Amino acid sequence: MNDIDNPYYDIIVFSRSKGLDRGSTLFKSKYKEILDLFGRIELVLGQEET
């Protein structure tokens, strides 16, 4: 992420052209996975600042 030409990454955890029903089990599972991943990214970035 320290690249001026590419300062970010796309993280794809699920790809479906029709999307997902928010009430579905798969959506809930992927949502939990995304929150976990986001938490881990925050921890790593927080360690970089210290």
PDB file of N, CA and C in Angstrom:
ATOM      1  N   MET A   1       0.821  -1.196   0.000  1.00  0.00           N
ATOM      2  CA  MET A   1       0.000   0.000   0.000  1.00  0.00           C
ATOM      3  C   MET A   1       0.863   1.256   0.000  1.00  0.00           C
ATOM      4  N   ASN A   2       2.147   1.099   0.080  1.00  0.00           N
ATOM      5  CA  ASN A   2       3.052   2.243   0.025  1.00  0.00           C
ATOM      6  C   ASN A   2       3.505   2.498  -1.410  1.00  0.00           C
ATOM      7  N   ASP A   3       2.602   2.376  -2.341  1.00  0.00           N
ATOM      8  CA  ASP A   3       2.893   2.562  -3.755  1.00  0.00           C
ATOM      9  C   ASP A   3       2.029   3.706  -4.268  1.00  0.00           C
ATOM     10  N   ILE A   4       2.637   4.797  -4.680  1.00  0.00           N
ATOM     11  CA  ILE A   4       1.907   5.986  -5.100  1.00  0.00           C
ATOM     12  C   ILE A   4       1.019   5.717  -6.320  1.00  0.00           C
ATOM     13  N   ASP A   5       1.412   4.776  -7.167  1.00  0.00           N
ATOM     14  CA  ASP A   5       0.625   4.451  -8.355  1.00  0.00           C
ATOM     15  C   ASP A   5      -0.556   3.531  -8.046  1.00  0.00           C
ATOM     16  N   ASN A   6      -0.447   2.737  -7.010  1.00  0.00           N
ATOM     17  CA  ASN A   6      -1.506   1.815  -6.588  1.00  0.00           C
ATOM     18  C   ASN A   6      -1.658   1.877  -5.071  1.00  0.00           C
ATOM     19  N   PRO A   7      -2.291   2.944  -4.550  1.00  0.00           N
ATOM     20  CA  PRO A   7      -2.321   3.140  -3.096  1.00  0.00           C
ATOM     21  C   PRO A   7      -3.375   2.309  -2.358  1.00  0.00           C
ATOM     22  N   TYR A   8      -4.049   1.399  -3.055  1.00  0.00           N
ATOM     23  CA  TYR A   8      -5.060   0.595  -2.386  1.00  0.00           C
ATOM     24  C   TYR A   8      -5.153  -0.781  -3.046  1.00  0.00           C
ATOM     25  N   TYR A   9      -5.836  -1.684  -2.372  1.00  0.00           N
ATOM     26  CA  TYR A   9      -6.101  -3.015  -2.899  1.00  0.00           C
ATOM     27  C   TYR A   9      -7.600  -3.243  -2.923  1.00  0.00           C
ATOM     28  N   ASP A  10      -8.089  -3.961  -3.908  1.00  0.00           N
ATOM     29  CA  ASP A  10      -9.462  -4.444  -3.911  1.00  0.00           C
ATOM     30  C   ASP A  10      -9.464  -5.802  -3.236  1.00  0.00           C
ATOM     31  N   ILE A  11     -10.354  -5.983  -2.278  1.00  0.00           N
ATOM     32  CA  ILE A  11     -10.486  -7.263  -1.604  1.00  0.00           C
ATOM     33  C   ILE A  11     -11.882  -7.786  -1.916  1.00  0.00           C
ATOM     34  N   ILE A  12     -11.944  -8.837  -2.692  1.00  0.00           N
ATOM     35  CA  ILE A  12     -13.220  -9.405  -3.085  1.00  0.00           C
ATOM     36  C   ILE A  12     -13.459 -10.649  -2.248  1.00  0.00           C
ATOM     37  N   VAL A  13     -14.513 -10.624  -1.432  1.00  0.00           N
ATOM     38  CA  VAL A  13     -14.828 -11.794  -0.609  1.00  0.00           C
ATOM     39  C   VAL A  13     -15.962 -12.609  -1.219  1.00  0.00           C
ATOM     40  N   PHE A  14     -16.690 -12.000  -2.153  1.00  0.00           N
ATOM     41  CA  PHE A  14     -17.768 -12.709  -2.821  1.00  0.00           C
ATOM     42  C   PHE A  14     -18.123 -11.970  -4.096  1.00  0.00           C
ATOM     43  N   SER A  15     -18.423 -12.730  -5.128  1.00  0.00           N
ATOM     44  CA  SER A  15     -18.804 -12.108  -6.387  1.00  0.00           C
ATOM     45  C   SER A  15     -19.957 -12.892  -6.997  1.00  0.00           C
ATOM     46  N   ARG A  16     -21.083 -12.214  -7.176  1.00  0.00           N
ATOM     47  CA  ARG A  16     -22.246 -12.819  -7.802  1.00  0.00           C
ATOM     48  C   ARG A  16     -23.006 -11.713  -8.519  1.00  0.00           C
ATOM     49  N   SER A  17     -23.233 -11.885  -9.789  1.00  0.00           N
ATOM     50  CA  SER A  17     -23.842 -10.816 -10.588  1.00  0.00           C
ATOM     51  C   SER A  17     -25.236 -10.437 -10.109  1.00  0.00           C
ATOM     52  N   LYS A  18     -25.979 -11.370  -9.520  1.00  0.00           N
ATOM     53  CA  LYS A  18     -27.343 -11.091  -9.064  1.00  0.00           C
ATOM     54  C   LYS A  18     -27.370 -10.569  -7.629  1.00  0.00           C
ATOM     55  N   GLY A  19     -26.241 -10.571  -6.957  1.00  0.00           N
ATOM     56  CA  GLY A  19     -26.196 -10.114  -5.573  1.00  0.00           C
ATOM     57  C   GLY A  19     -26.663 -11.196  -4.608  1.00  0.00           C
ATOM     58  N   LEU A  20     -26.880 -10.805  -3.368  1.00  0.00           N
ATOM     59  CA  LEU A  20     -27.320 -11.733  -2.332  1.00  0.00           C
ATOM     60  C   LEU A  20     -28.518 -11.168  -1.589  1.00  0.00           C
ATOM     61  N   ASP A  21     -29.392 -12.040  -1.162  1.00  0.00           N
ATOM     62  CA  ASP A  21     -30.500 -11.651  -0.293  1.00  0.00           C
ATOM     63  C   ASP A  21     -29.930 -11.399   1.102  1.00  0.00           C
ATOM     64  N   ARG A  22     -30.200 -10.228   1.648  1.00  0.00           N
ATOM     65  CA  ARG A  22     -29.630  -9.871   2.958  1.00  0.00           C
ATOM     66  C   ARG A  22     -30.057 -10.800   4.086  1.00  0.00           C
ATOM     67  N   GLY A  23     -31.129 -11.505   3.902  1.00  0.00           N
ATOM     68  CA  GLY A  23     -31.588 -12.428   4.937  1.00  0.00           C
ATOM     69  C   GLY A  23     -31.033 -13.831   4.784  1.00  0.00           C
ATOM     70  N   SER A  24     -30.296 -14.074   3.719  1.00  0.00           N
ATOM     71  CA  SER A  24     -29.798 -15.426   3.460  1.00  0.00           C
ATOM     72  C   SER A  24     -28.650 -15.799   4.392  1.00  0.00           C
ATOM     73  N   THR A  25     -28.496 -17.080   4.581  1.00  0.00           N
ATOM     74  CA  THR A  25     -27.405 -17.604   5.404  1.00  0.00           C
ATOM     75  C   THR A  25     -26.052 -17.242   4.800  1.00  0.00           C
ATOM     76  N   LEU A  26     -25.949 -17.323   3.471  1.00  0.00           N
ATOM     77  CA  LEU A  26     -24.686 -17.002   2.811  1.00  0.00           C
ATOM     78  C   LEU A  26     -24.318 -15.532   3.029  1.00  0.00           C
ATOM     79  N   PHE A  27     -25.300 -14.628   2.926  1.00  0.00           N
ATOM     80  CA  PHE A  27     -25.033 -13.207   3.165  1.00  0.00           C
ATOM     81  C   PHE A  27     -24.525 -12.997   4.588  1.00  0.00           C
ATOM     82  N   LYS A  28     -25.209 -13.588   5.550  1.00  0.00           N
ATOM     83  CA  LYS A  28     -24.804 -13.426   6.949  1.00  0.00           C
ATOM     84  C   LYS A  28     -23.402 -13.959   7.194  1.00  0.00           C
ATOM     85  N   SER A  29     -23.085 -15.077   6.564  1.00  0.00           N
ATOM     86  CA  SER A  29     -21.754 -15.658   6.695  1.00  0.00           C
ATOM     87  C   SER A  29     -20.690 -14.744   6.089  1.00  0.00           C
ATOM     88  N   LYS A  30     -20.945 -14.244   4.888  1.00  0.00           N
ATOM     89  CA  LYS A  30     -19.986 -13.363   4.219  1.00  0.00           C
ATOM     90  C   LYS A  30     -19.856 -12.034   4.963  1.00  0.00           C
ATOM     91  N   TYR A  31     -20.952 -11.527   5.508  1.00  0.00           N
ATOM     92  CA  TYR A  31     -20.917 -10.275   6.271  1.00  0.00           C
ATOM     93  C   TYR A  31     -20.018 -10.434   7.495  1.00  0.00           C
ATOM     94  N   LYS A  32     -20.165 -11.558   8.181  1.00  0.00           N
ATOM     95  CA  LYS A  32     -19.319 -11.829   9.352  1.00  0.00           C
ATOM     96  C   LYS A  32     -17.852 -11.927   8.926  1.00  0.00           C
ATOM     97  N   GLU A  33     -17.602 -12.588   7.806  1.00  0.00           N
ATOM     98  CA  GLU A  33     -16.246 -12.722   7.281  1.00  0.00           C
ATOM     99  C   GLU A  33     -15.644 -11.354   6.960  1.00  0.00           C
ATOM    100  N   ILE A  34     -16.445 -10.469   6.384  1.00  0.00           N
ATOM    101  CA  ILE A  34     -15.979  -9.122   6.041  1.00  0.00           C
ATOM    102  C   ILE A  34     -15.647  -8.333   7.306  1.00  0.00           C
ATOM    103  N   LEU A  35     -16.515  -8.416   8.321  1.00  0.00           N
ATOM    104  CA  LEU A  35     -16.241  -7.698   9.571  1.00  0.00           C
ATOM    105  C   LEU A  35     -14.963  -8.203  10.219  1.00  0.00           C
ATOM    106  N   ASP A  36     -14.745  -9.509  10.196  1.00  0.00           N
ATOM    107  CA  ASP A  36     -13.522 -10.086  10.746  1.00  0.00           C
ATOM    108  C   ASP A  36     -12.292  -9.591   9.982  1.00  0.00           C
ATOM    109  N   LEU A  37     -12.385  -9.602   8.665  1.00  0.00           N
ATOM    110  CA  LEU A  37     -11.279  -9.131   7.826  1.00  0.00           C
ATOM    111  C   LEU A  37     -10.997  -7.649   8.081  1.00  0.00           C
ATOM    112  N   PHE A  38     -12.044  -6.841   8.169  1.00  0.00           N
ATOM    113  CA  PHE A  38     -11.882  -5.416   8.436  1.00  0.00           C
ATOM    114  C   PHE A  38     -11.196  -5.190   9.789  1.00  0.00           C
ATOM    115  N   GLY A  39     -11.589  -5.963  10.791  1.00  0.00           N
ATOM    116  CA  GLY A  39     -10.956  -5.859  12.104  1.00  0.00           C
ATOM    117  C   GLY A  39      -9.472  -6.187  12.050  1.00  0.00           C
ATOM    118  N   ARG A  40      -9.122  -7.209  11.287  1.00  0.00           N
ATOM    119  CA  ARG A  40      -7.713  -7.586  11.147  1.00  0.00           C
ATOM    120  C   ARG A  40      -6.918  -6.497  10.429  1.00  0.00           C
ATOM    121  N   ILE A  41      -7.516  -5.912   9.408  1.00  0.00           N
ATOM    122  CA  ILE A  41      -6.845  -4.829   8.676  1.00  0.00           C
ATOM    123  C   ILE A  41      -6.618  -3.638   9.596  1.00  0.00           C
ATOM    124  N   GLU A  42      -7.618  -3.310  10.407  1.00  0.00           N
ATOM    125  CA  GLU A  42      -7.457  -2.210  11.370  1.00  0.00           C
ATOM    126  C   GLU A  42      -6.306  -2.484  12.333  1.00  0.00           C
ATOM    127  N   LEU A  43      -6.197  -3.716  12.803  1.00  0.00           N
ATOM    128  CA  LEU A  43      -5.101  -4.063  13.717  1.00  0.00           C
ATOM    129  C   LEU A  43      -3.743  -3.886  13.056  1.00  0.00           C
ATOM    130  N   VAL A  44      -3.609  -4.352  11.830  1.00  0.00           N
ATOM    131  CA  VAL A  44      -2.344  -4.240  11.113  1.00  0.00           C
ATOM    132  C   VAL A  44      -1.999  -2.771  10.893  1.00  0.00           C
ATOM    133  N   LEU A  45      -2.979  -1.986  10.456  1.00  0.00           N
ATOM    134  CA  LEU A  45      -2.715  -0.565  10.217  1.00  0.00           C
ATOM    135  C   LEU A  45      -2.391   0.155  11.513  1.00  0.00           C
ATOM    136  N   GLY A  46      -3.023  -0.231  12.606  1.00  0.00           N
ATOM    137  CA  GLY A  46      -2.730   0.362  13.899  1.00  0.00           C
ATOM    138  C   GLY A  46      -1.316   0.058  14.340  1.00  0.00           C
ATOM    139  N   GLN A  47      -0.819  -1.132  14.033  1.00  0.00           N
ATOM    140  CA  GLN A  47       0.553  -1.505  14.391  1.00  0.00           C
ATOM    141  C   GLN A  47       1.555  -0.717  13.560  1.00  0.00           C
ATOM    142  N   GLU A  48       1.202  -0.383  12.338  1.00  0.00           N
ATOM    143  CA  GLU A  48       2.086   0.405  11.471  1.00  0.00           C
ATOM    144  C   GLU A  48       2.265   1.816  12.022  1.00  0.00           C
ATOM    145  N   GLU A  49       1.230   2.346  12.684  1.00  0.00           N
ATOM    146  CA  GLU A  49       1.288   3.718  13.193  1.00  0.00           C
ATOM    147  C   GLU A  49       2.161   3.832  14.442  1.00  0.00           C
ATOM    148  N   THR A  50       2.336   2.716  15.156  1.00  0.00           N
ATOM    149  CA  THR A  50       3.122   2.785  16.405  1.00  0.00           C
ATOM    150  C   THR A  50       4.535   2.340  16.188  1.00  0.00           C
TER     151      THR A  50
END
